[in-house]
Amino acid sequence: MWKSLLKPRSWVAKLLLVIVVAGFFALGFLGYMTPIQEFLDSDALSFQLGDRRFSAYLILRASIIIISLFWIAGIFSDFGEAHLKNIQNIKASNRAIIVKAFQMLVYFIAFLMALDLLAIDLTGLAIFSGAIGIGIGIGLQKIASNFISGLILLFEKTVVEDDLIELDDGTSGFVRHTGARFTLIETFESREIMIPNEDFITNRVTNWTYSNTLGRLDINIGVSYKSDIKKAYELILEAAREHPRCSTQREPECFLTDYADSAVLFTLYFWVDNIIEGRIRPKSDILFSIWDKFEANNIEIPFPQRDVHVKNIEDLK
């Protein structure tokens, strides 16, 4: 109810509000409101609160001033929002934060104007403002922190829409929306997770697409000691180079990393030009290709095994 009164949406409500406010000020200017003012400001319709005297007239006047100011602020807010949303060179998420900041500024100015028109002494509110500050610091700490963090993300542009990110807790996915309070992440399982903006400022975040979309895949392969390891090395690189998503910017690399208990271990570094298209599919394709090439060239991929030597078998019998 109060929201519709302070910020009417339909043109009928706006017209009615204009007529009421204009009529009120017109009657006051012409002097017709003087008898009503004297009646509403009489002692019978007033009360004392501390050193201040309040009457029905003062309360009615304050209500009309507040409603008028917030109504005008609502018009300015809608006007600014409509123009800000038409700016095409700013991303949708950034526009949303700018709109919220603009609306807060407009209503804050309207609040200060209301205090001035009502002749409220702000110095008398020093104690209350201190209490309000403590309340905001305790109760609205997270909300304020997330809003400020959203503004920092807006201006730094470290995390924007369609970026592929990964958080410290293992959550990874694409940024779909950045709001005043949270950032919406769509994971690879099509889950939508709302992450507080503060987490992007205070925690470590991996942005896979911050400066480029180049991504590296690591593939570990074991080769039997009985096989030709130099031939295996060549086949591993061949399988990587043949893949259609092999990067044109960086060549794949293969390294012999260890002589393990059951196998000679190789590590393949394979880059893709656009990591947004996925990493699991090219890794799977290369592993299949390596398997086929090893089988065609009699190169064995070993598995852990143990040799048991039994002595004095006759005694066991």
C-alpha atoms as a PDB file:
ATOM      1  CA  MET A   1       0.000   0.000   0.000  1.00  0.00           C
ATOM      2  CA  TRP A   2       2.678   2.471   1.032  1.00  0.00           C
ATOM      3  CA  LYS A   3       4.784   1.572  -1.982  1.00  0.00           C
ATOM      4  CA  SER A   4       1.893   2.264  -4.365  1.00  0.00           C
ATOM      5  CA  LEU A   5       1.190   5.556  -2.589  1.00  0.00           C
ATOM      6  CA  LEU A   6       4.783   6.815  -2.653  1.00  0.00           C
ATOM      7  CA  LYS A   7       5.409   5.551  -6.169  1.00  0.00           C
ATOM      8  CA  PRO A   8       2.151   5.115  -8.107  1.00  0.00           C
ATOM      9  CA  ARG A   9       2.363   3.098 -11.302  1.00  0.00           C
ATOM     10  CA  SER A  10      -0.926   3.698 -13.151  1.00  0.00           C
ATOM     11  CA  TRP A  11      -1.595   7.051 -14.818  1.00  0.00           C
ATOM     12  CA  VAL A  12      -4.942   7.351 -12.978  1.00  0.00           C
ATOM     13  CA  ALA A  13      -3.215   7.139  -9.592  1.00  0.00           C
ATOM     14  CA  LYS A  14      -0.592   9.660 -10.672  1.00  0.00           C
ATOM     15  CA  LEU A  15      -3.249  12.086 -11.947  1.00  0.00           C
ATOM     16  CA  LEU A  16      -5.274  11.749  -8.744  1.00  0.00           C
ATOM     17  CA  LEU A  17      -2.179  12.371  -6.640  1.00  0.00           C
ATOM     18  CA  VAL A  18      -1.314  15.485  -8.690  1.00  0.00           C
ATOM     19  CA  ILE A  19      -4.856  16.848  -8.256  1.00  0.00           C
ATOM     20  CA  VAL A  20      -4.850  16.288  -4.486  1.00  0.00           C
ATOM     21  CA  VAL A  21      -1.421  17.855  -3.938  1.00  0.00           C
ATOM     22  CA  ALA A  22      -2.072  20.773  -6.286  1.00  0.00           C
ATOM     23  CA  GLY A  23      -5.467  21.398  -4.708  1.00  0.00           C
ATOM     24  CA  PHE A  24      -3.973  21.342  -1.223  1.00  0.00           C
ATOM     25  CA  PHE A  25      -1.330  23.959  -2.077  1.00  0.00           C
ATOM     26  CA  ALA A  26      -3.809  26.077  -4.072  1.00  0.00           C
ATOM     27  CA  LEU A  27      -6.244  26.246  -1.177  1.00  0.00           C
ATOM     28  CA  GLY A  28      -3.429  27.146   1.167  1.00  0.00           C
ATOM     29  CA  PHE A  29      -2.185  29.914  -1.159  1.00  0.00           C
ATOM     30  CA  LEU A  30      -5.686  31.416  -1.478  1.00  0.00           C
ATOM     31  CA  GLY A  31      -6.235  31.373   2.280  1.00  0.00           C
ATOM     32  CA  TYR A  32      -9.059  28.857   2.337  1.00  0.00           C
ATOM     33  CA  MET A  33      -6.990  26.473   4.423  1.00  0.00           C
ATOM     34  CA  THR A  34      -6.614  28.922   7.332  1.00  0.00           C
ATOM     35  CA  PRO A  35      -9.712  27.791   9.281  1.00  0.00           C
ATOM     36  CA  ILE A  36      -8.851  24.134   8.715  1.00  0.00           C
ATOM     37  CA  GLN A  37      -5.268  24.820   9.728  1.00  0.00           C
ATOM     38  CA  GLU A  38      -6.345  26.558  12.946  1.00  0.00           C
ATOM     39  CA  PHE A  39      -8.671  23.678  13.788  1.00  0.00           C
ATOM     40  CA  LEU A  40      -6.095  20.959  13.111  1.00  0.00           C
ATOM     41  CA  ASP A  41      -3.444  22.967  14.978  1.00  0.00           C
ATOM     42  CA  SER A  42      -5.601  23.501  18.062  1.00  0.00           C
ATOM     43  CA  ASP A  43      -4.620  22.234  21.482  1.00  0.00           C
ATOM     44  CA  ALA A  44      -7.401  19.650  21.366  1.00  0.00           C
ATOM     45  CA  LEU A  45      -5.713  17.929  18.414  1.00  0.00           C
ATOM     46  CA  SER A  46      -2.113  18.262  19.580  1.00  0.00           C
ATOM     47  CA  PHE A  47       0.207  16.584  22.053  1.00  0.00           C
ATOM     48  CA  GLN A  48       3.564  17.285  23.643  1.00  0.00           C
ATOM     49  CA  LEU A  49       6.592  15.014  23.184  1.00  0.00           C
ATOM     50  CA  GLY A  50       9.545  16.330  25.120  1.00  0.00           C
ATOM     51  CA  ASP A  51      10.201  19.913  24.014  1.00  0.00           C
ATOM     52  CA  ARG A  52       8.358  19.475  20.739  1.00  0.00           C
ATOM     53  CA  ARG A  53       4.668  20.088  20.132  1.00  0.00           C
ATOM     54  CA  PHE A  54       2.916  17.907  17.555  1.00  0.00           C
ATOM     55  CA  SER A  55      -0.506  18.582  16.101  1.00  0.00           C
ATOM     56  CA  ALA A  56      -2.741  16.958  13.526  1.00  0.00           C
ATOM     57  CA  TYR A  57      -1.888  19.786  11.127  1.00  0.00           C
ATOM     58  CA  LEU A  58       1.854  19.233  11.433  1.00  0.00           C
ATOM     59  CA  ILE A  59       1.470  15.471  10.929  1.00  0.00           C
ATOM     60  CA  LEU A  60      -0.793  15.981   7.881  1.00  0.00           C
ATOM     61  CA  ARG A  61       1.580  18.578   6.429  1.00  0.00           C
ATOM     62  CA  ALA A  62       4.580  16.316   6.975  1.00  0.00           C
ATOM     63  CA  SER A  63       2.777  13.377   5.341  1.00  0.00           C
ATOM     64  CA  ILE A  64       1.888  15.419   2.249  1.00  0.00           C
ATOM     65  CA  ILE A  65       5.452  16.745   1.931  1.00  0.00           C
ATOM     66  CA  ILE A  66       6.968  13.274   2.270  1.00  0.00           C
ATOM     67  CA  ILE A  67       4.545  11.703  -0.219  1.00  0.00           C
ATOM     68  CA  SER A  68       5.103  14.530  -2.718  1.00  0.00           C
ATOM     69  CA  LEU A  69       8.872  14.386  -2.490  1.00  0.00           C
ATOM     70  CA  PHE A  70       9.038  10.608  -2.807  1.00  0.00           C
ATOM     71  CA  TRP A  71       6.548  10.749  -5.677  1.00  0.00           C
ATOM     72  CA  ILE A  72       8.784  13.227  -7.500  1.00  0.00           C
ATOM     73  CA  ALA A  73      11.798  11.071  -6.631  1.00  0.00           C
ATOM     74  CA  GLY A  74       9.992   8.065  -8.129  1.00  0.00           C
ATOM     75  CA  ILE A  75       9.448   9.963 -11.372  1.00  0.00           C
ATOM     76  CA  PHE A  76      13.124  10.931 -11.558  1.00  0.00           C
ATOM     77  CA  SER A  77      14.101   7.358 -10.677  1.00  0.00           C
ATOM     78  CA  ASP A  78      11.962   5.860 -13.469  1.00  0.00           C
ATOM     79  CA  PHE A  79      13.179   8.489 -15.934  1.00  0.00           C
ATOM     80  CA  GLY A  80      16.841   7.819 -15.123  1.00  0.00           C
ATOM     81  CA  GLU A  81      16.336   4.039 -15.158  1.00  0.00           C
ATOM     82  CA  ALA A  82      14.737   4.157 -18.614  1.00  0.00           C
ATOM     83  CA  HIS A  83      17.644   6.162 -20.030  1.00  0.00           C
ATOM     84  CA  LEU A  84      20.348   4.110 -18.324  1.00  0.00           C
ATOM     85  CA  LYS A  85      18.875   0.876 -19.682  1.00  0.00           C
ATOM     86  CA  ASN A  86      19.124   2.265 -23.222  1.00  0.00           C
ATOM     87  CA  ILE A  87      22.904   2.612 -22.986  1.00  0.00           C
ATOM     88  CA  GLN A  88      24.146  -0.210 -25.193  1.00  0.00           C
ATOM     89  CA  ASN A  89      27.909   0.003 -24.563  1.00  0.00           C
ATOM     90  CA  ILE A  90      27.419  -1.068 -20.923  1.00  0.00           C
ATOM     91  CA  LYS A  91      26.679  -4.690 -20.079  1.00  0.00           C
ATOM     92  CA  ALA A  92      23.310  -5.587 -18.584  1.00  0.00           C
ATOM     93  CA  SER A  93      24.794  -6.543 -15.206  1.00  0.00           C
ATOM     94  CA  ASN A  94      26.683  -3.255 -15.000  1.00  0.00           C
ATOM     95  CA  ARG A  95      23.585  -1.280 -15.957  1.00  0.00           C
ATOM     96  CA  ALA A  96      21.640  -2.968 -13.140  1.00  0.00           C
ATOM     97  CA  ILE A  97      24.177  -1.851 -10.534  1.00  0.00           C
ATOM     98  CA  ILE A  98      24.294   1.703 -11.937  1.00  0.00           C
ATOM     99  CA  VAL A  99      20.486   1.885 -11.859  1.00  0.00           C
ATOM    100  CA  LYS A 100      20.426   0.747  -8.206  1.00  0.00           C
ATOM    101  CA  ALA A 101      23.054   3.327  -7.246  1.00  0.00           C
ATOM    102  CA  PHE A 102      21.135   6.066  -9.084  1.00  0.00           C
ATOM    103  CA  GLN A 103      17.880   5.142  -7.340  1.00  0.00           C
ATOM    104  CA  MET A 104      19.546   5.182  -3.925  1.00  0.00           C
ATOM    105  CA  LEU A 105      21.032   8.613  -4.648  1.00  0.00           C
ATOM    106  CA  VAL A 106      17.680  10.059  -5.759  1.00  0.00           C
ATOM    107  CA  TYR A 107      15.818   8.805  -2.689  1.00  0.00           C
ATOM    108  CA  PHE A 108      18.618   9.918  -0.374  1.00  0.00           C
ATOM    109  CA  ILE A 109      18.387  13.464  -1.778  1.00  0.00           C
ATOM    110  CA  ALA A 110      14.584  13.345  -1.371  1.00  0.00           C
ATOM    111  CA  PHE A 111      15.051  12.279   2.267  1.00  0.00           C
ATOM    112  CA  LEU A 112      17.390  15.214   2.973  1.00  0.00           C
ATOM    113  CA  MET A 113      14.978  17.648   1.311  1.00  0.00           C
ATOM    114  CA  ALA A 114      12.124  16.292   3.431  1.00  0.00           C
ATOM    115  CA  LEU A 115      14.117  16.874   6.597  1.00  0.00           C
ATOM    116  CA  ASP A 116      14.865  20.437   5.489  1.00  0.00           C
ATOM    117  CA  LEU A 117      11.240  21.272   4.570  1.00  0.00           C
ATOM    118  CA  LEU A 118       9.990  19.839   7.861  1.00  0.00           C
ATOM    119  CA  ALA A 119      12.538  21.994   9.729  1.00  0.00           C
ATOM    120  CA  ILE A 120      13.974  19.015  11.574  1.00  0.00           C
ATOM    121  CA  ASP A 121      17.186  19.914  13.388  1.00  0.00           C
ATOM    122  CA  LEU A 122      19.735  17.304  12.355  1.00  0.00           C
ATOM    123  CA  THR A 123      22.009  18.171  15.259  1.00  0.00           C
ATOM    124  CA  GLY A 124      19.329  16.888  17.589  1.00  0.00           C
ATOM    125  CA  LEU A 125      19.508  13.532  15.855  1.00  0.00           C
ATOM    126  CA  ALA A 126      23.176  13.015  16.677  1.00  0.00           C
ATOM    127  CA  ILE A 127      22.473  10.391  19.337  1.00  0.00           C
ATOM    128  CA  PHE A 128      19.936   8.634  17.151  1.00  0.00           C
ATOM    129  CA  SER A 129      22.246   8.725  14.147  1.00  0.00           C
ATOM    130  CA  GLY A 130      24.942   7.071  16.237  1.00  0.00           C
ATOM    131  CA  ALA A 131      22.508   4.321  17.234  1.00  0.00           C
ATOM    132  CA  ILE A 132      21.398   3.951  13.622  1.00  0.00           C
ATOM    133  CA  GLY A 133      25.041   3.710  12.560  1.00  0.00           C
ATOM    134  CA  ILE A 134      25.639   0.905  15.056  1.00  0.00           C
ATOM    135  CA  GLY A 135      22.492  -0.870  13.842  1.00  0.00           C
ATOM    136  CA  ILE A 136      23.588  -0.607  10.244  1.00  0.00           C
ATOM    137  CA  GLY A 137      27.077  -1.776  11.122  1.00  0.00           C
ATOM    138  CA  ILE A 138      25.746  -4.886  12.853  1.00  0.00           C
ATOM    139  CA  GLY A 139      22.528  -5.748  11.046  1.00  0.00           C
ATOM    140  CA  LEU A 140      23.309  -4.577   7.517  1.00  0.00           C
ATOM    141  CA  GLN A 141      27.017  -5.300   7.455  1.00  0.00           C
ATOM    142  CA  LYS A 142      26.801  -8.130   4.941  1.00  0.00           C
ATOM    143  CA  ILE A 143      24.329  -6.296   2.707  1.00  0.00           C
ATOM    144  CA  ALA A 144      26.510  -3.181   2.592  1.00  0.00           C
ATOM    145  CA  SER A 145      29.612  -5.297   2.032  1.00  0.00           C
ATOM    146  CA  ASN A 146      28.009  -7.178  -0.873  1.00  0.00           C
ATOM    147  CA  PHE A 147      26.760  -3.951  -2.454  1.00  0.00           C
ATOM    148  CA  ILE A 148      30.177  -2.277  -2.248  1.00  0.00           C
ATOM    149  CA  SER A 149      31.823  -5.465  -3.539  1.00  0.00           C
ATOM    150  CA  GLY A 150      29.409  -5.390  -6.492  1.00  0.00           C
ATOM    151  CA  LEU A 151      30.495  -1.834  -7.279  1.00  0.00           C
ATOM    152  CA  ILE A 152      34.160  -2.871  -7.100  1.00  0.00           C
ATOM    153  CA  LEU A 153      33.496  -5.738  -9.524  1.00  0.00           C
ATOM    154  CA  LEU A 154      31.681  -3.284 -11.787  1.00  0.00           C
ATOM    155  CA  PHE A 155      34.560  -0.835 -12.037  1.00  0.00           C
ATOM    156  CA  GLU A 156      37.421  -3.358 -12.020  1.00  0.00           C
ATOM    157  CA  LYS A 157      35.689  -5.695 -14.528  1.00  0.00           C
ATOM    158  CA  THR A 158      37.536  -8.686 -13.079  1.00  0.00           C
ATOM    159  CA  VAL A 159      34.396 -10.842 -13.253  1.00  0.00           C
ATOM    160  CA  VAL A 160      31.873 -10.124 -16.010  1.00  0.00           C
ATOM    161  CA  GLU A 161      29.036 -12.011 -17.679  1.00  0.00           C
ATOM    162  CA  ASP A 162      29.936 -15.226 -19.545  1.00  0.00           C
ATOM    163  CA  ASP A 163      33.299 -15.559 -17.752  1.00  0.00           C
ATOM    164  CA  LEU A 164      34.297 -19.085 -16.731  1.00  0.00           C
ATOM    165  CA  ILE A 165      35.307 -18.987 -13.062  1.00  0.00           C
ATOM    166  CA  GLU A 166      36.281 -21.384 -10.293  1.00  0.00           C
ATOM    167  CA  LEU A 167      36.034 -20.638  -6.558  1.00  0.00           C
ATOM    168  CA  ASP A 168      38.140 -21.903  -3.674  1.00  0.00           C
ATOM    169  CA  ASP A 169      35.474 -24.404  -2.627  1.00  0.00           C
ATOM    170  CA  GLY A 170      35.529 -26.056  -6.061  1.00  0.00           C
ATOM    171  CA  THR A 171      32.412 -24.330  -7.436  1.00  0.00           C
ATOM    172  CA  SER A 172      32.925 -23.583 -11.120  1.00  0.00           C
ATOM    173  CA  GLY A 173      30.747 -22.379 -13.947  1.00  0.00           C
ATOM    174  CA  PHE A 174      29.755 -19.415 -16.071  1.00  0.00           C
ATOM    175  CA  VAL A 175      28.807 -15.977 -14.766  1.00  0.00           C
ATOM    176  CA  ARG A 176      25.240 -15.293 -15.907  1.00  0.00           C
ATOM    177  CA  HIS A 177      24.289 -12.212 -13.887  1.00  0.00           C
ATOM    178  CA  THR A 178      25.910  -9.730 -11.512  1.00  0.00           C
ATOM    179  CA  GLY A 179      23.480  -7.931  -9.233  1.00  0.00           C
ATOM    180  CA  ALA A 180      23.758  -5.496  -6.348  1.00  0.00           C
ATOM    181  CA  ARG A 181      23.868  -8.323  -3.766  1.00  0.00           C
ATOM    182  CA  PHE A 182      24.985 -11.529  -5.512  1.00  0.00           C
ATOM    183  CA  THR A 183      26.491 -12.978  -8.670  1.00  0.00           C
ATOM    184  CA  LEU A 184      24.621 -15.804 -10.411  1.00  0.00           C
ATOM    185  CA  ILE A 185      26.787 -18.755 -11.494  1.00  0.00           C
ATOM    186  CA  GLU A 186      25.537 -21.488 -13.833  1.00  0.00           C
ATOM    187  CA  THR A 187      27.490 -24.687 -13.203  1.00  0.00           C
ATOM    188  CA  PHE A 188      28.224 -27.452 -15.705  1.00  0.00           C
ATOM    189  CA  GLU A 189      25.354 -29.437 -14.171  1.00  0.00           C
ATOM    190  CA  SER A 190      22.997 -26.533 -15.086  1.00  0.00           C
ATOM    191  CA  ARG A 191      22.629 -25.575 -11.431  1.00  0.00           C
ATOM    192  CA  GLU A 192      22.256 -21.855 -10.700  1.00  0.00           C
ATOM    193  CA  ILE A 193      24.169 -20.753  -7.611  1.00  0.00           C
ATOM    194  CA  MET A 194      23.901 -17.265  -6.109  1.00  0.00           C
ATOM    195  CA  ILE A 195      27.327 -16.291  -4.762  1.00  0.00           C
ATOM    196  CA  PRO A 196      27.565 -13.183  -2.508  1.00  0.00           C
ATOM    197  CA  ASN A 197      29.620 -10.461  -4.188  1.00  0.00           C
ATOM    198  CA  GLU A 198      31.829 -10.282  -1.107  1.00  0.00           C
ATOM    199  CA  ASP A 199      33.225 -13.756  -1.854  1.00  0.00           C
ATOM    200  CA  PHE A 200      34.736 -12.497  -5.114  1.00  0.00           C
ATOM    201  CA  ILE A 201      36.636  -9.778  -3.241  1.00  0.00           C
ATOM    202  CA  THR A 202      37.787 -11.575  -0.092  1.00  0.00           C
ATOM    203  CA  ASN A 203      38.457 -15.066  -1.494  1.00  0.00           C
ATOM    204  CA  ARG A 204      40.668 -16.440  -4.242  1.00  0.00           C
ATOM    205  CA  VAL A 205      38.852 -16.731  -7.580  1.00  0.00           C
ATOM    206  CA  THR A 206      40.177 -18.393 -10.737  1.00  0.00           C
ATOM    207  CA  ASN A 207      38.942 -16.658 -13.879  1.00  0.00           C
ATOM    208  CA  TRP A 208      39.707 -18.942 -16.820  1.00  0.00           C
ATOM    209  CA  THR A 209      38.741 -16.275 -19.356  1.00  0.00           C
ATOM    210  CA  TYR A 210      39.987 -13.067 -17.710  1.00  0.00           C
ATOM    211  CA  SER A 211      42.514 -12.055 -20.399  1.00  0.00           C
ATOM    212  CA  ASN A 212      42.106 -14.897 -22.943  1.00  0.00           C
ATOM    213  CA  THR A 213      40.227 -18.153 -23.529  1.00  0.00           C
ATOM    214  CA  LEU A 214      43.339 -20.321 -23.892  1.00  0.00           C
ATOM    215  CA  GLY A 215      43.270 -23.363 -21.586  1.00  0.00           C
ATOM    216  CA  ARG A 216      45.599 -26.276 -20.827  1.00  0.00           C
ATOM    217  CA  LEU A 217      44.743 -29.917 -20.221  1.00  0.00           C
ATOM    218  CA  ASP A 218      47.070 -32.271 -18.323  1.00  0.00           C
ATOM    219  CA  ILE A 219      46.993 -35.969 -19.249  1.00  0.00           C
ATOM    220  CA  ASN A 220      49.052 -38.565 -17.372  1.00  0.00           C
ATOM    221  CA  ILE A 221      49.948 -41.818 -19.189  1.00  0.00           C
ATOM    222  CA  GLY A 222      51.866 -44.868 -18.035  1.00  0.00           C
ATOM    223  CA  VAL A 223      53.889 -47.063 -20.443  1.00  0.00           C
ATOM    224  CA  SER A 224      55.280 -50.535 -19.771  1.00  0.00           C
ATOM    225  CA  TYR A 225      59.024 -50.950 -19.261  1.00  0.00           C
ATOM    226  CA  LYS A 226      58.945 -53.608 -22.014  1.00  0.00           C
ATOM    227  CA  SER A 227      57.677 -51.106 -24.618  1.00  0.00           C
ATOM    228  CA  ASP A 228      59.530 -48.621 -26.825  1.00  0.00           C
ATOM    229  CA  ILE A 229      59.153 -45.472 -24.733  1.00  0.00           C
ATOM    230  CA  LYS A 230      60.533 -43.196 -27.478  1.00  0.00           C
ATOM    231  CA  LYS A 231      57.886 -44.493 -29.867  1.00  0.00           C
ATOM    232  CA  ALA A 232      55.265 -43.991 -27.147  1.00  0.00           C
ATOM    233  CA  TYR A 233      56.437 -40.405 -26.735  1.00  0.00           C
ATOM    234  CA  GLU A 234      55.955 -39.731 -30.456  1.00  0.00           C
ATOM    235  CA  LEU A 235      52.512 -41.364 -30.531  1.00  0.00           C
ATOM    236  CA  ILE A 236      51.292 -39.311 -27.583  1.00  0.00           C
ATOM    237  CA  LEU A 237      52.252 -36.064 -29.309  1.00  0.00           C
ATOM    238  CA  GLU A 238      50.782 -37.289 -32.585  1.00  0.00           C
ATOM    239  CA  ALA A 239      47.427 -38.013 -30.936  1.00  0.00           C
ATOM    240  CA  ALA A 240      47.366 -34.491 -29.469  1.00  0.00           C
ATOM    241  CA  ARG A 241      48.302 -32.711 -32.715  1.00  0.00           C
ATOM    242  CA  GLU A 242      45.650 -34.585 -34.692  1.00  0.00           C
ATOM    243  CA  HIS A 243      42.807 -33.370 -32.493  1.00  0.00           C
ATOM    244  CA  PRO A 244      40.757 -30.600 -34.201  1.00  0.00           C
ATOM    245  CA  ARG A 245      40.712 -28.446 -31.062  1.00  0.00           C
ATOM    246  CA  CYS A 246      44.493 -28.479 -30.649  1.00  0.00           C
ATOM    247  CA  SER A 247      45.576 -24.866 -30.107  1.00  0.00           C
ATOM    248  CA  THR A 248      47.145 -22.925 -32.954  1.00  0.00           C
ATOM    249  CA  GLN A 249      48.878 -20.674 -30.418  1.00  0.00           C
ATOM    250  CA  ARG A 250      50.764 -23.306 -28.410  1.00  0.00           C
ATOM    251  CA  GLU A 251      52.016 -26.683 -29.477  1.00  0.00           C
ATOM    252  CA  PRO A 252      51.313 -29.705 -27.231  1.00  0.00           C
ATOM    253  CA  GLU A 253      54.236 -30.874 -25.095  1.00  0.00           C
ATOM    254  CA  CYS A 254      55.050 -34.275 -23.618  1.00  0.00           C
ATOM    255  CA  PHE A 255      57.442 -35.003 -20.758  1.00  0.00           C
ATOM    256  CA  LEU A 256      58.801 -38.179 -19.186  1.00  0.00           C
ATOM    257  CA  THR A 257      58.158 -37.460 -15.525  1.00  0.00           C
ATOM    258  CA  ASP A 258      59.044 -40.578 -13.540  1.00  0.00           C
ATOM    259  CA  TYR A 259      60.125 -44.216 -13.448  1.00  0.00           C
ATOM    260  CA  ALA A 260      57.379 -45.641 -11.266  1.00  0.00           C
ATOM    261  CA  ASP A 261      57.008 -49.137  -9.806  1.00  0.00           C
ATOM    262  CA  SER A 262      54.999 -50.539 -12.699  1.00  0.00           C
ATOM    263  CA  ALA A 263      55.340 -48.013 -15.524  1.00  0.00           C
ATOM    264  CA  VAL A 264      57.269 -45.205 -17.150  1.00  0.00           C
ATOM    265  CA  LEU A 265      55.132 -42.107 -16.582  1.00  0.00           C
ATOM    266  CA  PHE A 266      54.518 -39.425 -19.211  1.00  0.00           C
ATOM    267  CA  THR A 267      52.624 -36.135 -18.842  1.00  0.00           C
ATOM    268  CA  LEU A 268      50.993 -34.495 -21.861  1.00  0.00           C
ATOM    269  CA  TYR A 269      50.262 -30.749 -21.874  1.00  0.00           C
ATOM    270  CA  PHE A 270      47.553 -29.966 -24.398  1.00  0.00           C
ATOM    271  CA  TRP A 271      46.122 -26.464 -25.056  1.00  0.00           C
ATOM    272  CA  VAL A 272      42.724 -25.540 -26.503  1.00  0.00           C
ATOM    273  CA  ASP A 273      41.997 -22.114 -28.005  1.00  0.00           C
ATOM    274  CA  ASN A 274      38.578 -21.713 -26.369  1.00  0.00           C
ATOM    275  CA  ILE A 275      38.217 -23.339 -22.961  1.00  0.00           C
ATOM    276  CA  ILE A 276      34.567 -22.235 -22.796  1.00  0.00           C
ATOM    277  CA  GLU A 277      33.750 -25.030 -25.266  1.00  0.00           C
ATOM    278  CA  GLY A 278      34.779 -27.564 -22.631  1.00  0.00           C
ATOM    279  CA  ARG A 279      37.793 -29.593 -21.487  1.00  0.00           C
ATOM    280  CA  ILE A 280      36.467 -33.086 -20.848  1.00  0.00           C
ATOM    281  CA  ARG A 281      35.566 -33.900 -24.469  1.00  0.00           C
ATOM    282  CA  PRO A 282      39.017 -33.190 -25.996  1.00  0.00           C
ATOM    283  CA  LYS A 283      40.705 -35.022 -23.117  1.00  0.00           C
ATOM    284  CA  SER A 284      38.492 -38.054 -23.704  1.00  0.00           C
ATOM    285  CA  ASP A 285      39.136 -37.972 -27.465  1.00  0.00           C
ATOM    286  CA  ILE A 286      42.908 -37.861 -26.985  1.00  0.00           C
ATOM    287  CA  LEU A 287      42.862 -40.736 -24.490  1.00  0.00           C
ATOM    288  CA  PHE A 288      40.905 -42.858 -26.993  1.00  0.00           C
ATOM    289  CA  SER A 289      43.331 -41.921 -29.743  1.00  0.00           C
ATOM    290  CA  ILE A 290      46.362 -42.816 -27.592  1.00  0.00           C
ATOM    291  CA  TRP A 291      44.796 -46.172 -26.747  1.00  0.00           C
ATOM    292  CA  ASP A 292      44.279 -46.990 -30.444  1.00  0.00           C
ATOM    293  CA  LYS A 293      47.799 -45.904 -31.412  1.00  0.00           C
ATOM    294  CA  PHE A 294      49.424 -47.853 -28.587  1.00  0.00           C
ATOM    295  CA  GLU A 295      47.471 -50.986 -29.537  1.00  0.00           C
ATOM    296  CA  ALA A 296      48.451 -50.645 -33.206  1.00  0.00           C
ATOM    297  CA  ASN A 297      52.136 -50.300 -32.283  1.00  0.00           C
ATOM    298  CA  ASN A 298      52.287 -52.991 -29.564  1.00  0.00           C
ATOM    299  CA  ILE A 299      52.858 -50.521 -26.749  1.00  0.00           C
ATOM    300  CA  GLU A 300      51.527 -51.763 -23.470  1.00  0.00           C
ATOM    301  CA  ILE A 301      49.774 -49.704 -20.814  1.00  0.00           C
ATOM    302  CA  PRO A 302      50.554 -51.630 -17.610  1.00  0.00           C
ATOM    303  CA  PHE A 303      48.466 -52.065 -14.494  1.00  0.00           C
ATOM    304  CA  PRO A 304      49.745 -52.618 -10.951  1.00  0.00           C
ATOM    305  CA  GLN A 305      50.710 -56.228 -10.306  1.00  0.00           C
ATOM    306  CA  ARG A 306      52.693 -58.289  -7.821  1.00  0.00           C
ATOM    307  CA  ASP A 307      54.895 -61.331  -8.439  1.00  0.00           C
ATOM    308  CA  VAL A 308      54.725 -63.944  -5.649  1.00  0.00           C
ATOM    309  CA  HIS A 309      57.613 -66.438  -5.375  1.00  0.00           C
ATOM    310  CA  VAL A 310      56.892 -69.536  -3.266  1.00  0.00           C
ATOM    311  CA  LYS A 311      59.852 -71.415  -1.777  1.00  0.00           C
ATOM    312  CA  ASN A 312      59.768 -75.009  -0.521  1.00  0.00           C
ATOM    313  CA  ILE A 313      56.476 -75.864  -2.149  1.00  0.00           C
ATOM    314  CA  GLU A 314      56.867 -79.463  -1.088  1.00  0.00           C
ATOM    315  CA  ASP A 315      56.804 -78.416   2.562  1.00  0.00           C
ATOM    316  CA  LEU A 316      53.604 -76.473   1.951  1.00  0.00           C
ATOM    317  CA  LYS A 317      51.998 -79.575   0.471  1.00  0.00           C
END
